[in-house]
Amino acid sequence: MSAANELHLAEARRRAAPLALIGFDVDGTLTDGRIFIGPAGEAMKSFSVRDGFGLTLLRRAGVRIAIVTARESSIVALRAAELGFDAVIQGAHDKAATMRELGTRFGVSMAHCGFVGDDWPDLAAMAQSGFCATVAGAPAEIRARAHWVSTLGPGNGAVRELAEFVLRAKGQWEELLASFGAPPASGSERQ
């Protein structure tokens, strides 16, 4: 890894360590971005179980999680309820304002808020957050402005990968792993 990449990663860790609230876009972040619409108008979306477990780990570590999406979907509401999201804001056309409102509601400064998005409508929310992340395959303009970019695709483990990064930055990874009965690692940890 180059020195510039090492510095970028160190800065991302520094920004991730104090996170207390993370907002997530849905389509293209928590899902692969595809929407299936049948003849009667029903829609289907695909969510990763591993991403769901990553979100569960964030919640166990005391990080509040929120959905902030412009679309409205009963499927999203159902998945959010299953995972115990702290807030679900659908129809959010000003995601930056929504994140500020959530920060106020939960008593979290924007410096301790994160936002995970994948396209231009997410830029303002990402820009005002203390930590912002995106997924592999997001447009170049989004990746260039993110503090952290997944190596895995959206809806295919990217959020689980993010959760691991954040929890390691917070120094809580090994403690959470041990809570599941894992013995201490014998080798070097994954960065």
N, C-alpha and C. Protein backbone atom coordinates (compact mmCIF):
# COMPACT_ATOMS: atom_id res chain seq x y z
N MET A 1 0.85 -1.18 0.00
CA MET A 1 0.00 0.00 0.00
C MET A 1 0.90 1.24 0.00
N SER A 2 0.54 2.22 -0.81
CA SER A 2 1.35 3.44 -0.91
C SER A 2 1.20 4.28 0.35
N ALA A 3 2.13 5.19 0.55
CA ALA A 3 2.09 6.08 1.71
C ALA A 3 0.83 6.94 1.69
N ALA A 4 0.42 7.39 0.50
CA ALA A 4 -0.79 8.20 0.39
C ALA A 4 -2.02 7.40 0.78
N ASN A 5 -2.08 6.13 0.35
CA ASN A 5 -3.21 5.27 0.73
C ASN A 5 -3.22 5.00 2.23
N GLU A 6 -2.04 4.80 2.81
CA GLU A 6 -1.93 4.59 4.26
C GLU A 6 -2.46 5.81 5.02
N LEU A 7 -2.09 7.01 4.57
CA LEU A 7 -2.57 8.24 5.21
C LEU A 7 -4.08 8.37 5.07
N HIS A 8 -4.60 8.06 3.90
CA HIS A 8 -6.05 8.14 3.67
C HIS A 8 -6.79 7.17 4.60
N LEU A 9 -6.27 5.95 4.72
CA LEU A 9 -6.88 4.95 5.59
C LEU A 9 -6.80 5.36 7.05
N ALA A 10 -5.68 5.94 7.46
CA ALA A 10 -5.53 6.41 8.85
C ALA A 10 -6.53 7.52 9.14
N GLU A 11 -6.73 8.42 8.19
CA GLU A 11 -7.72 9.50 8.36
C GLU A 11 -9.13 8.93 8.44
N ALA A 12 -9.43 7.94 7.63
CA ALA A 12 -10.75 7.31 7.68
C ALA A 12 -10.97 6.65 9.04
N ARG A 13 -9.96 5.98 9.56
CA ARG A 13 -10.08 5.35 10.90
C ARG A 13 -10.32 6.42 11.98
N ARG A 14 -9.58 7.52 11.88
CA ARG A 14 -9.73 8.60 12.87
C ARG A 14 -11.16 9.14 12.84
N ARG A 15 -11.72 9.27 11.66
CA ARG A 15 -13.08 9.80 11.53
C ARG A 15 -14.13 8.77 11.95
N ALA A 16 -13.85 7.50 11.76
CA ALA A 16 -14.82 6.44 12.10
C ALA A 16 -14.87 6.16 13.60
N ALA A 17 -13.77 6.37 14.29
CA ALA A 17 -13.69 6.00 15.71
C ALA A 17 -14.78 6.62 16.59
N PRO A 18 -15.13 7.89 16.43
CA PRO A 18 -16.14 8.47 17.32
C PRO A 18 -17.58 8.35 16.84
N LEU A 19 -17.83 7.59 15.79
CA LEU A 19 -19.19 7.53 15.24
C LEU A 19 -20.21 7.05 16.27
N ALA A 20 -21.33 7.78 16.33
CA ALA A 20 -22.42 7.41 17.22
C ALA A 20 -23.72 7.19 16.45
N LEU A 21 -23.76 7.64 15.19
CA LEU A 21 -24.94 7.51 14.35
C LEU A 21 -24.49 7.39 12.90
N ILE A 22 -25.03 6.41 12.19
CA ILE A 22 -24.73 6.25 10.77
C ILE A 22 -26.05 6.17 10.00
N GLY A 23 -26.17 7.03 8.99
CA GLY A 23 -27.31 7.01 8.09
C GLY A 23 -26.96 6.22 6.84
N PHE A 24 -27.90 5.44 6.36
CA PHE A 24 -27.70 4.61 5.18
C PHE A 24 -28.74 4.92 4.12
N ASP A 25 -28.28 5.19 2.90
CA ASP A 25 -29.16 5.16 1.74
C ASP A 25 -29.52 3.68 1.55
N VAL A 26 -30.52 3.39 0.77
CA VAL A 26 -30.94 2.00 0.59
C VAL A 26 -30.54 1.46 -0.78
N ASP A 27 -31.18 1.95 -1.84
CA ASP A 27 -30.97 1.39 -3.17
C ASP A 27 -29.56 1.71 -3.66
N GLY A 28 -28.78 0.66 -3.90
CA GLY A 28 -27.40 0.83 -4.33
C GLY A 28 -26.42 0.87 -3.18
N THR A 29 -26.92 0.76 -1.96
CA THR A 29 -26.06 0.74 -0.77
C THR A 29 -26.38 -0.51 0.05
N LEU A 30 -27.59 -0.58 0.58
CA LEU A 30 -28.04 -1.78 1.30
C LEU A 30 -28.55 -2.85 0.34
N THR A 31 -28.85 -2.44 -0.89
CA THR A 31 -29.25 -3.39 -1.94
C THR A 31 -28.31 -3.21 -3.13
N ASP A 32 -28.42 -4.10 -4.09
CA ASP A 32 -27.56 -3.98 -5.28
C ASP A 32 -28.07 -2.92 -6.24
N GLY A 33 -29.14 -2.24 -5.88
CA GLY A 33 -29.67 -1.15 -6.69
C GLY A 33 -30.75 -1.56 -7.67
N ARG A 34 -30.99 -2.85 -7.79
CA ARG A 34 -32.03 -3.30 -8.71
C ARG A 34 -33.37 -3.31 -7.99
N ILE A 35 -34.41 -2.91 -8.71
CA ILE A 35 -35.77 -2.92 -8.19
C ILE A 35 -36.61 -3.76 -9.16
N PHE A 36 -37.26 -4.78 -8.64
CA PHE A 36 -38.10 -5.66 -9.45
C PHE A 36 -39.55 -5.25 -9.27
N ILE A 37 -40.21 -4.91 -10.37
CA ILE A 37 -41.61 -4.48 -10.31
C ILE A 37 -42.44 -5.42 -11.17
N GLY A 38 -43.42 -6.05 -10.52
CA GLY A 38 -44.30 -6.99 -11.21
C GLY A 38 -45.49 -6.29 -11.83
N PRO A 39 -46.33 -7.03 -12.53
CA PRO A 39 -47.47 -6.44 -13.24
C PRO A 39 -48.49 -5.77 -12.31
N ALA A 40 -48.55 -6.20 -11.07
CA ALA A 40 -49.49 -5.58 -10.13
C ALA A 40 -48.84 -4.44 -9.35
N GLY A 41 -47.59 -4.12 -9.71
CA GLY A 41 -46.91 -3.01 -9.06
C GLY A 41 -46.08 -3.39 -7.86
N GLU A 42 -46.09 -4.68 -7.49
CA GLU A 42 -45.30 -5.06 -6.34
C GLU A 42 -43.81 -4.96 -6.67
N ALA A 43 -43.02 -4.64 -5.69
CA ALA A 43 -41.57 -4.50 -5.88
C ALA A 43 -40.85 -5.49 -4.99
N MET A 44 -39.69 -5.89 -5.46
CA MET A 44 -38.82 -6.76 -4.66
C MET A 44 -37.44 -6.14 -4.64
N LYS A 45 -36.77 -6.29 -3.53
CA LYS A 45 -35.40 -5.86 -3.37
C LYS A 45 -34.66 -6.99 -2.68
N SER A 46 -33.38 -7.07 -2.92
CA SER A 46 -32.56 -8.11 -2.32
C SER A 46 -31.60 -7.50 -1.31
N PHE A 47 -31.64 -8.02 -0.09
CA PHE A 47 -30.77 -7.56 0.99
C PHE A 47 -29.82 -8.69 1.38
N SER A 48 -28.60 -8.34 1.76
CA SER A 48 -27.61 -9.32 2.18
C SER A 48 -27.77 -9.63 3.67
N VAL A 49 -27.79 -10.91 4.00
CA VAL A 49 -27.84 -11.33 5.40
C VAL A 49 -26.56 -10.88 6.11
N ARG A 50 -25.43 -10.95 5.43
CA ARG A 50 -24.17 -10.50 6.05
C ARG A 50 -24.21 -9.01 6.35
N ASP A 51 -24.76 -8.22 5.43
CA ASP A 51 -24.91 -6.79 5.72
C ASP A 51 -25.80 -6.60 6.94
N GLY A 52 -26.87 -7.38 7.02
CA GLY A 52 -27.76 -7.28 8.17
C GLY A 52 -27.04 -7.59 9.47
N PHE A 53 -26.17 -8.60 9.44
CA PHE A 53 -25.43 -8.93 10.66
C PHE A 53 -24.44 -7.82 11.01
N GLY A 54 -23.84 -7.21 10.00
CA GLY A 54 -22.95 -6.07 10.25
C GLY A 54 -23.70 -4.93 10.93
N LEU A 55 -24.92 -4.67 10.49
CA LEU A 55 -25.74 -3.63 11.12
C LEU A 55 -26.08 -4.01 12.56
N THR A 56 -26.35 -5.28 12.79
CA THR A 56 -26.61 -5.77 14.15
C THR A 56 -25.39 -5.55 15.04
N LEU A 57 -24.21 -5.82 14.50
CA LEU A 57 -22.98 -5.59 15.28
C LEU A 57 -22.79 -4.12 15.62
N LEU A 58 -23.07 -3.24 14.67
CA LEU A 58 -22.98 -1.80 14.96
C LEU A 58 -23.91 -1.43 16.11
N ARG A 59 -25.13 -1.93 16.06
CA ARG A 59 -26.10 -1.63 17.13
C ARG A 59 -25.61 -2.18 18.47
N ARG A 60 -25.06 -3.40 18.47
CA ARG A 60 -24.54 -3.99 19.71
C ARG A 60 -23.41 -3.16 20.29
N ALA A 61 -22.68 -2.47 19.42
CA ALA A 61 -21.56 -1.63 19.86
C ALA A 61 -22.02 -0.24 20.27
N GLY A 62 -23.32 0.02 20.20
CA GLY A 62 -23.85 1.31 20.64
C GLY A 62 -23.96 2.36 19.56
N VAL A 63 -23.75 1.98 18.31
CA VAL A 63 -23.89 2.92 17.21
C VAL A 63 -25.34 2.90 16.73
N ARG A 64 -25.96 4.05 16.70
CA ARG A 64 -27.33 4.14 16.18
C ARG A 64 -27.27 4.04 14.65
N ILE A 65 -28.28 3.39 14.07
CA ILE A 65 -28.33 3.25 12.62
C ILE A 65 -29.67 3.77 12.12
N ALA A 66 -29.63 4.42 10.96
CA ALA A 66 -30.83 5.02 10.39
C ALA A 66 -30.87 4.79 8.89
N ILE A 67 -32.06 4.59 8.37
CA ILE A 67 -32.27 4.57 6.94
C ILE A 67 -32.71 5.97 6.54
N VAL A 68 -32.07 6.50 5.51
CA VAL A 68 -32.42 7.81 4.96
C VAL A 68 -32.48 7.63 3.45
N THR A 69 -33.70 7.52 2.92
CA THR A 69 -33.88 7.22 1.50
C THR A 69 -34.96 8.09 0.89
N ALA A 70 -34.80 8.43 -0.38
CA ALA A 70 -35.79 9.24 -1.08
C ALA A 70 -37.00 8.42 -1.50
N ARG A 71 -36.79 7.13 -1.72
CA ARG A 71 -37.89 6.26 -2.15
C ARG A 71 -38.73 5.85 -0.93
N GLU A 72 -39.93 5.38 -1.21
CA GLU A 72 -40.79 4.84 -0.15
C GLU A 72 -41.13 3.41 -0.51
N SER A 73 -40.94 2.51 0.45
CA SER A 73 -41.14 1.09 0.18
C SER A 73 -41.51 0.36 1.45
N SER A 74 -42.56 -0.44 1.37
CA SER A 74 -42.94 -1.27 2.52
C SER A 74 -41.87 -2.34 2.77
N ILE A 75 -41.17 -2.74 1.71
CA ILE A 75 -40.10 -3.73 1.85
C ILE A 75 -38.99 -3.18 2.74
N VAL A 76 -38.63 -1.91 2.53
CA VAL A 76 -37.59 -1.27 3.34
C VAL A 76 -38.05 -1.18 4.80
N ALA A 77 -39.29 -0.80 5.01
CA ALA A 77 -39.82 -0.71 6.38
C ALA A 77 -39.76 -2.07 7.07
N LEU A 78 -40.10 -3.12 6.36
CA LEU A 78 -40.07 -4.46 6.93
C LEU A 78 -38.64 -4.87 7.30
N ARG A 79 -37.70 -4.67 6.38
CA ARG A 79 -36.30 -5.04 6.66
C ARG A 79 -35.74 -4.21 7.81
N ALA A 80 -36.06 -2.93 7.85
CA ALA A 80 -35.57 -2.07 8.92
C ALA A 80 -36.12 -2.52 10.27
N ALA A 81 -37.37 -2.94 10.30
CA ALA A 81 -37.97 -3.43 11.55
C ALA A 81 -37.29 -4.72 11.99
N GLU A 82 -36.99 -5.61 11.04
CA GLU A 82 -36.31 -6.86 11.37
C GLU A 82 -34.95 -6.60 12.02
N LEU A 83 -34.25 -5.58 11.52
CA LEU A 83 -32.90 -5.29 12.01
C LEU A 83 -32.87 -4.31 13.17
N GLY A 84 -33.99 -3.73 13.51
CA GLY A 84 -34.04 -2.82 14.65
C GLY A 84 -33.38 -1.48 14.41
N PHE A 85 -33.54 -0.93 13.22
CA PHE A 85 -33.01 0.41 12.94
C PHE A 85 -33.57 1.40 13.95
N ASP A 86 -32.78 2.36 14.34
CA ASP A 86 -33.21 3.39 15.29
C ASP A 86 -34.14 4.41 14.65
N ALA A 87 -34.01 4.61 13.35
CA ALA A 87 -34.88 5.54 12.62
C ALA A 87 -34.97 5.08 11.17
N VAL A 88 -36.15 5.27 10.60
CA VAL A 88 -36.37 4.96 9.20
C VAL A 88 -37.08 6.16 8.58
N ILE A 89 -36.35 6.88 7.75
CA ILE A 89 -36.90 8.06 7.10
C ILE A 89 -36.96 7.77 5.60
N GLN A 90 -38.19 7.57 5.11
CA GLN A 90 -38.40 7.34 3.69
C GLN A 90 -39.01 8.62 3.10
N GLY A 91 -38.81 8.83 1.81
CA GLY A 91 -39.30 10.05 1.17
C GLY A 91 -38.43 11.25 1.54
N ALA A 92 -37.19 11.00 1.92
CA ALA A 92 -36.26 12.07 2.32
C ALA A 92 -35.58 12.62 1.08
N HIS A 93 -36.08 13.74 0.58
CA HIS A 93 -35.49 14.32 -0.63
C HIS A 93 -34.35 15.26 -0.29
N ASP A 94 -34.24 15.69 0.96
CA ASP A 94 -33.09 16.47 1.42
C ASP A 94 -32.43 15.64 2.52
N LYS A 95 -31.54 14.76 2.09
CA LYS A 95 -30.92 13.82 3.03
C LYS A 95 -30.01 14.53 4.02
N ALA A 96 -29.40 15.63 3.62
CA ALA A 96 -28.54 16.39 4.54
C ALA A 96 -29.37 16.94 5.69
N ALA A 97 -30.51 17.56 5.37
CA ALA A 97 -31.39 18.10 6.41
C ALA A 97 -31.91 16.98 7.30
N THR A 98 -32.24 15.85 6.70
CA THR A 98 -32.73 14.71 7.48
C THR A 98 -31.66 14.23 8.46
N MET A 99 -30.42 14.15 8.01
CA MET A 99 -29.34 13.73 8.91
C MET A 99 -29.13 14.74 10.04
N ARG A 100 -29.24 16.03 9.74
CA ARG A 100 -29.12 17.04 10.81
C ARG A 100 -30.23 16.86 11.84
N GLU A 101 -31.45 16.61 11.35
CA GLU A 101 -32.59 16.38 12.25
C GLU A 101 -32.36 15.13 13.11
N LEU A 102 -31.84 14.06 12.51
CA LEU A 102 -31.56 12.85 13.28
C LEU A 102 -30.46 13.10 14.31
N GLY A 103 -29.44 13.85 13.93
CA GLY A 103 -28.38 14.21 14.88
C GLY A 103 -28.96 14.94 16.08
N THR A 104 -29.85 15.89 15.81
CA THR A 104 -30.50 16.63 16.90
C THR A 104 -31.35 15.70 17.75
N ARG A 105 -32.14 14.85 17.10
CA ARG A 105 -33.02 13.92 17.82
C ARG A 105 -32.23 13.02 18.78
N PHE A 106 -31.08 12.53 18.32
CA PHE A 106 -30.30 11.59 19.12
C PHE A 106 -29.17 12.26 19.90
N GLY A 107 -29.06 13.58 19.80
CA GLY A 107 -28.02 14.30 20.55
C GLY A 107 -26.61 13.99 20.04
N VAL A 108 -26.46 13.86 18.73
CA VAL A 108 -25.17 13.52 18.13
C VAL A 108 -24.75 14.65 17.19
N SER A 109 -23.55 15.18 17.40
CA SER A 109 -23.05 16.23 16.50
C SER A 109 -22.74 15.63 15.14
N MET A 110 -22.76 16.47 14.12
CA MET A 110 -22.47 15.98 12.76
C MET A 110 -21.06 15.41 12.68
N ALA A 111 -20.16 15.85 13.52
CA ALA A 111 -18.80 15.29 13.52
C ALA A 111 -18.80 13.82 13.92
N HIS A 112 -19.83 13.40 14.64
CA HIS A 112 -19.94 12.01 15.09
C HIS A 112 -21.01 11.24 14.33
N CYS A 113 -21.47 11.83 13.22
CA CYS A 113 -22.43 11.16 12.33
C CYS A 113 -21.70 10.68 11.09
N GLY A 114 -22.15 9.55 10.57
CA GLY A 114 -21.64 9.05 9.31
C GLY A 114 -22.78 8.92 8.34
N PHE A 115 -22.43 8.89 7.06
CA PHE A 115 -23.45 8.65 6.04
C PHE A 115 -22.86 7.75 4.98
N VAL A 116 -23.66 6.77 4.54
CA VAL A 116 -23.25 5.82 3.52
C VAL A 116 -24.20 5.98 2.34
N GLY A 117 -23.65 6.42 1.22
CA GLY A 117 -24.46 6.62 0.02
C GLY A 117 -23.73 6.14 -1.21
N ASP A 118 -24.42 6.19 -2.35
CA ASP A 118 -23.82 5.64 -3.56
C ASP A 118 -23.97 6.51 -4.79
N ASP A 119 -24.66 7.66 -4.69
CA ASP A 119 -24.83 8.45 -5.91
C ASP A 119 -25.05 9.92 -5.56
N TRP A 120 -25.18 10.74 -6.57
CA TRP A 120 -25.22 12.19 -6.41
C TRP A 120 -26.22 12.69 -5.37
N PRO A 121 -27.44 12.12 -5.27
CA PRO A 121 -28.38 12.63 -4.26
C PRO A 121 -27.86 12.47 -2.81
N ASP A 122 -26.79 11.70 -2.63
CA ASP A 122 -26.24 11.47 -1.30
C ASP A 122 -25.10 12.43 -0.96
N LEU A 123 -24.63 13.20 -1.93
CA LEU A 123 -23.43 14.02 -1.75
C LEU A 123 -23.53 15.02 -0.60
N ALA A 124 -24.64 15.75 -0.48
CA ALA A 124 -24.76 16.75 0.57
C ALA A 124 -24.73 16.11 1.96
N ALA A 125 -25.41 14.99 2.12
CA ALA A 125 -25.40 14.29 3.42
C ALA A 125 -24.00 13.77 3.72
N MET A 126 -23.32 13.27 2.71
CA MET A 126 -21.95 12.78 2.90
C MET A 126 -21.02 13.92 3.28
N ALA A 127 -21.14 15.06 2.58
CA ALA A 127 -20.23 16.19 2.78
C ALA A 127 -20.30 16.77 4.18
N GLN A 128 -21.46 16.76 4.80
CA GLN A 128 -21.60 17.37 6.12
C GLN A 128 -21.28 16.41 7.26
N SER A 129 -21.11 15.15 6.95
CA SER A 129 -20.89 14.14 7.99
C SER A 129 -19.42 14.04 8.37
N GLY A 130 -19.18 13.68 9.61
CA GLY A 130 -17.81 13.49 10.07
C GLY A 130 -17.11 12.34 9.38
N PHE A 131 -17.89 11.37 8.92
CA PHE A 131 -17.36 10.20 8.21
C PHE A 131 -18.35 9.86 7.10
N CYS A 132 -17.85 9.67 5.90
CA CYS A 132 -18.75 9.24 4.83
C CYS A 132 -18.11 8.09 4.08
N ALA A 133 -18.96 7.20 3.63
CA ALA A 133 -18.51 5.99 2.96
C ALA A 133 -19.38 5.72 1.75
N THR A 134 -18.83 4.91 0.85
CA THR A 134 -19.58 4.47 -0.31
C THR A 134 -19.19 3.05 -0.65
N VAL A 135 -19.80 2.54 -1.67
CA VAL A 135 -19.61 1.14 -2.07
C VAL A 135 -18.82 1.03 -3.36
N ALA A 136 -18.19 -0.12 -3.53
CA ALA A 136 -17.51 -0.41 -4.79
C ALA A 136 -18.50 -0.24 -5.93
N GLY A 137 -18.06 0.33 -7.00
CA GLY A 137 -18.92 0.52 -8.15
C GLY A 137 -19.72 1.80 -8.13
N ALA A 138 -19.65 2.57 -7.06
CA ALA A 138 -20.31 3.88 -7.04
C ALA A 138 -19.63 4.77 -8.07
N PRO A 139 -20.31 5.79 -8.58
CA PRO A 139 -19.68 6.70 -9.54
C PRO A 139 -18.39 7.30 -8.97
N ALA A 140 -17.47 7.60 -9.87
CA ALA A 140 -16.16 8.13 -9.48
C ALA A 140 -16.28 9.38 -8.61
N GLU A 141 -17.27 10.23 -8.89
CA GLU A 141 -17.44 11.46 -8.10
C GLU A 141 -17.76 11.16 -6.65
N ILE A 142 -18.45 10.07 -6.41
CA ILE A 142 -18.81 9.69 -5.04
C ILE A 142 -17.61 9.05 -4.36
N ARG A 143 -16.95 8.13 -5.04
CA ARG A 143 -15.77 7.47 -4.46
C ARG A 143 -14.70 8.49 -4.10
N ALA A 144 -14.52 9.51 -4.94
CA ALA A 144 -13.49 10.52 -4.70
C ALA A 144 -13.77 11.37 -3.46
N ARG A 145 -15.02 11.45 -3.07
CA ARG A 145 -15.40 12.28 -1.93
C ARG A 145 -15.62 11.48 -0.63
N ALA A 146 -15.54 10.18 -0.73
CA ALA A 146 -15.76 9.32 0.44
C ALA A 146 -14.47 9.16 1.24
N HIS A 147 -14.62 9.04 2.54
CA HIS A 147 -13.47 8.73 3.40
C HIS A 147 -13.09 7.26 3.29
N TRP A 148 -14.09 6.42 2.96
CA TRP A 148 -13.87 4.98 2.89
C TRP A 148 -14.74 4.42 1.77
N VAL A 149 -14.16 3.47 1.00
CA VAL A 149 -14.88 2.81 -0.09
C VAL A 149 -14.75 1.30 0.11
N SER A 150 -15.87 0.60 0.04
CA SER A 150 -15.84 -0.85 0.20
C SER A 150 -15.12 -1.51 -0.96
N THR A 151 -14.66 -2.72 -0.73
CA THR A 151 -14.14 -3.54 -1.82
C THR A 151 -15.22 -4.46 -2.35
N LEU A 152 -16.24 -4.70 -1.53
CA LEU A 152 -17.37 -5.56 -1.91
C LEU A 152 -18.49 -4.71 -2.50
N GLY A 153 -19.33 -5.32 -3.29
CA GLY A 153 -20.40 -4.60 -3.95
C GLY A 153 -21.58 -4.31 -3.05
N PRO A 154 -22.41 -3.36 -3.48
CA PRO A 154 -23.61 -3.03 -2.70
C PRO A 154 -24.57 -4.21 -2.65
N GLY A 155 -25.15 -4.42 -1.48
CA GLY A 155 -26.07 -5.54 -1.31
C GLY A 155 -25.38 -6.88 -1.32
N ASN A 156 -24.04 -6.87 -1.31
CA ASN A 156 -23.26 -8.10 -1.37
C ASN A 156 -22.12 -8.10 -0.35
N GLY A 157 -22.37 -7.54 0.83
CA GLY A 157 -21.37 -7.55 1.88
C GLY A 157 -20.68 -6.23 2.11
N ALA A 158 -20.97 -5.20 1.33
CA ALA A 158 -20.30 -3.91 1.51
C ALA A 158 -20.58 -3.31 2.88
N VAL A 159 -21.81 -3.41 3.35
CA VAL A 159 -22.16 -2.84 4.66
C VAL A 159 -21.55 -3.65 5.79
N ARG A 160 -21.43 -4.95 5.63
CA ARG A 160 -20.76 -5.80 6.62
C ARG A 160 -19.28 -5.40 6.70
N GLU A 161 -18.67 -5.16 5.54
CA GLU A 161 -17.28 -4.73 5.47
C GLU A 161 -17.12 -3.37 6.16
N LEU A 162 -18.06 -2.47 5.94
CA LEU A 162 -18.04 -1.16 6.60
C LEU A 162 -18.15 -1.32 8.11
N ALA A 163 -19.07 -2.16 8.55
CA ALA A 163 -19.25 -2.37 9.99
C ALA A 163 -17.95 -2.84 10.63
N GLU A 164 -17.27 -3.77 9.98
CA GLU A 164 -15.99 -4.25 10.52
C GLU A 164 -14.98 -3.11 10.60
N PHE A 165 -14.90 -2.29 9.55
CA PHE A 165 -13.97 -1.17 9.56
C PHE A 165 -14.27 -0.22 10.72
N VAL A 166 -15.53 0.14 10.88
CA VAL A 166 -15.92 1.08 11.95
C VAL A 166 -15.65 0.47 13.32
N LEU A 167 -16.01 -0.78 13.51
CA LEU A 167 -15.83 -1.41 14.82
C LEU A 167 -14.35 -1.60 15.16
N ARG A 168 -13.53 -1.86 14.17
CA ARG A 168 -12.08 -1.92 14.42
C ARG A 168 -11.55 -0.54 14.77
N ALA A 169 -12.02 0.49 14.06
CA ALA A 169 -11.58 1.86 14.35
C ALA A 169 -11.98 2.27 15.76
N LYS A 170 -13.12 1.79 16.23
CA LYS A 170 -13.60 2.10 17.58
C LYS A 170 -12.93 1.22 18.64
N GLY A 171 -12.16 0.23 18.21
CA GLY A 171 -11.51 -0.68 19.14
C GLY A 171 -12.45 -1.68 19.77
N GLN A 172 -13.57 -1.99 19.12
CA GLN A 172 -14.58 -2.88 19.69
C GLN A 172 -14.69 -4.22 18.97
N TRP A 173 -13.93 -4.40 17.92
CA TRP A 173 -14.05 -5.61 17.11
C TRP A 173 -13.78 -6.88 17.91
N GLU A 174 -12.62 -6.95 18.56
CA GLU A 174 -12.25 -8.18 19.29
C GLU A 174 -13.20 -8.47 20.44
N GLU A 175 -13.67 -7.44 21.12
CA GLU A 175 -14.62 -7.62 22.21
C GLU A 175 -15.93 -8.22 21.69
N LEU A 176 -16.42 -7.71 20.58
CA LEU A 176 -17.64 -8.26 19.99
C LEU A 176 -17.43 -9.69 19.53
N LEU A 177 -16.30 -9.94 18.89
CA LEU A 177 -15.99 -11.29 18.43
C LEU A 177 -15.95 -12.26 19.62
N ALA A 178 -15.32 -11.84 20.71
CA ALA A 178 -15.23 -12.68 21.91
C ALA A 178 -16.62 -12.94 22.50
N SER A 179 -17.54 -11.99 22.36
CA SER A 179 -18.90 -12.18 22.89
C SER A 179 -19.64 -13.30 22.17
N PHE A 180 -19.12 -13.72 21.01
CA PHE A 180 -19.69 -14.84 20.28
C PHE A 180 -18.92 -16.13 20.53
N GLY A 181 -17.99 -16.10 21.49
CA GLY A 181 -17.25 -17.29 21.88
C GLY A 181 -15.96 -17.53 21.12
N ALA A 182 -15.50 -16.54 20.37
CA ALA A 182 -14.26 -16.72 19.60
C ALA A 182 -13.04 -16.54 20.50
N PRO A 183 -12.07 -17.44 20.39
CA PRO A 183 -10.83 -17.25 21.15
C PRO A 183 -10.05 -16.08 20.56
N PRO A 184 -9.11 -15.52 21.31
CA PRO A 184 -8.29 -14.42 20.78
C PRO A 184 -7.56 -14.85 19.51
N ALA A 185 -7.37 -13.89 18.61
CA ALA A 185 -6.67 -14.18 17.35
C ALA A 185 -5.22 -14.50 17.63
N SER A 186 -4.68 -15.46 16.90
CA SER A 186 -3.29 -15.83 17.11
C SER A 186 -2.36 -15.09 16.15
N GLY A 187 -2.91 -14.61 15.02
CA GLY A 187 -2.09 -13.91 14.05
C GLY A 187 -2.43 -12.44 14.01
N SER A 188 -1.99 -11.79 12.97
CA SER A 188 -2.27 -10.35 12.84
C SER A 188 -3.70 -10.16 12.42
N GLU A 189 -4.29 -9.04 12.86
CA GLU A 189 -5.68 -8.71 12.51
C GLU A 189 -5.76 -8.15 11.11
N ARG A 190 -6.90 -8.37 10.49
CA ARG A 190 -7.18 -7.77 9.18
C ARG A 190 -7.40 -6.27 9.38
N GLN A 191 -6.89 -5.48 8.49
CA GLN A 191 -7.06 -4.03 8.55
C GLN A 191 -8.20 -3.69 7.67
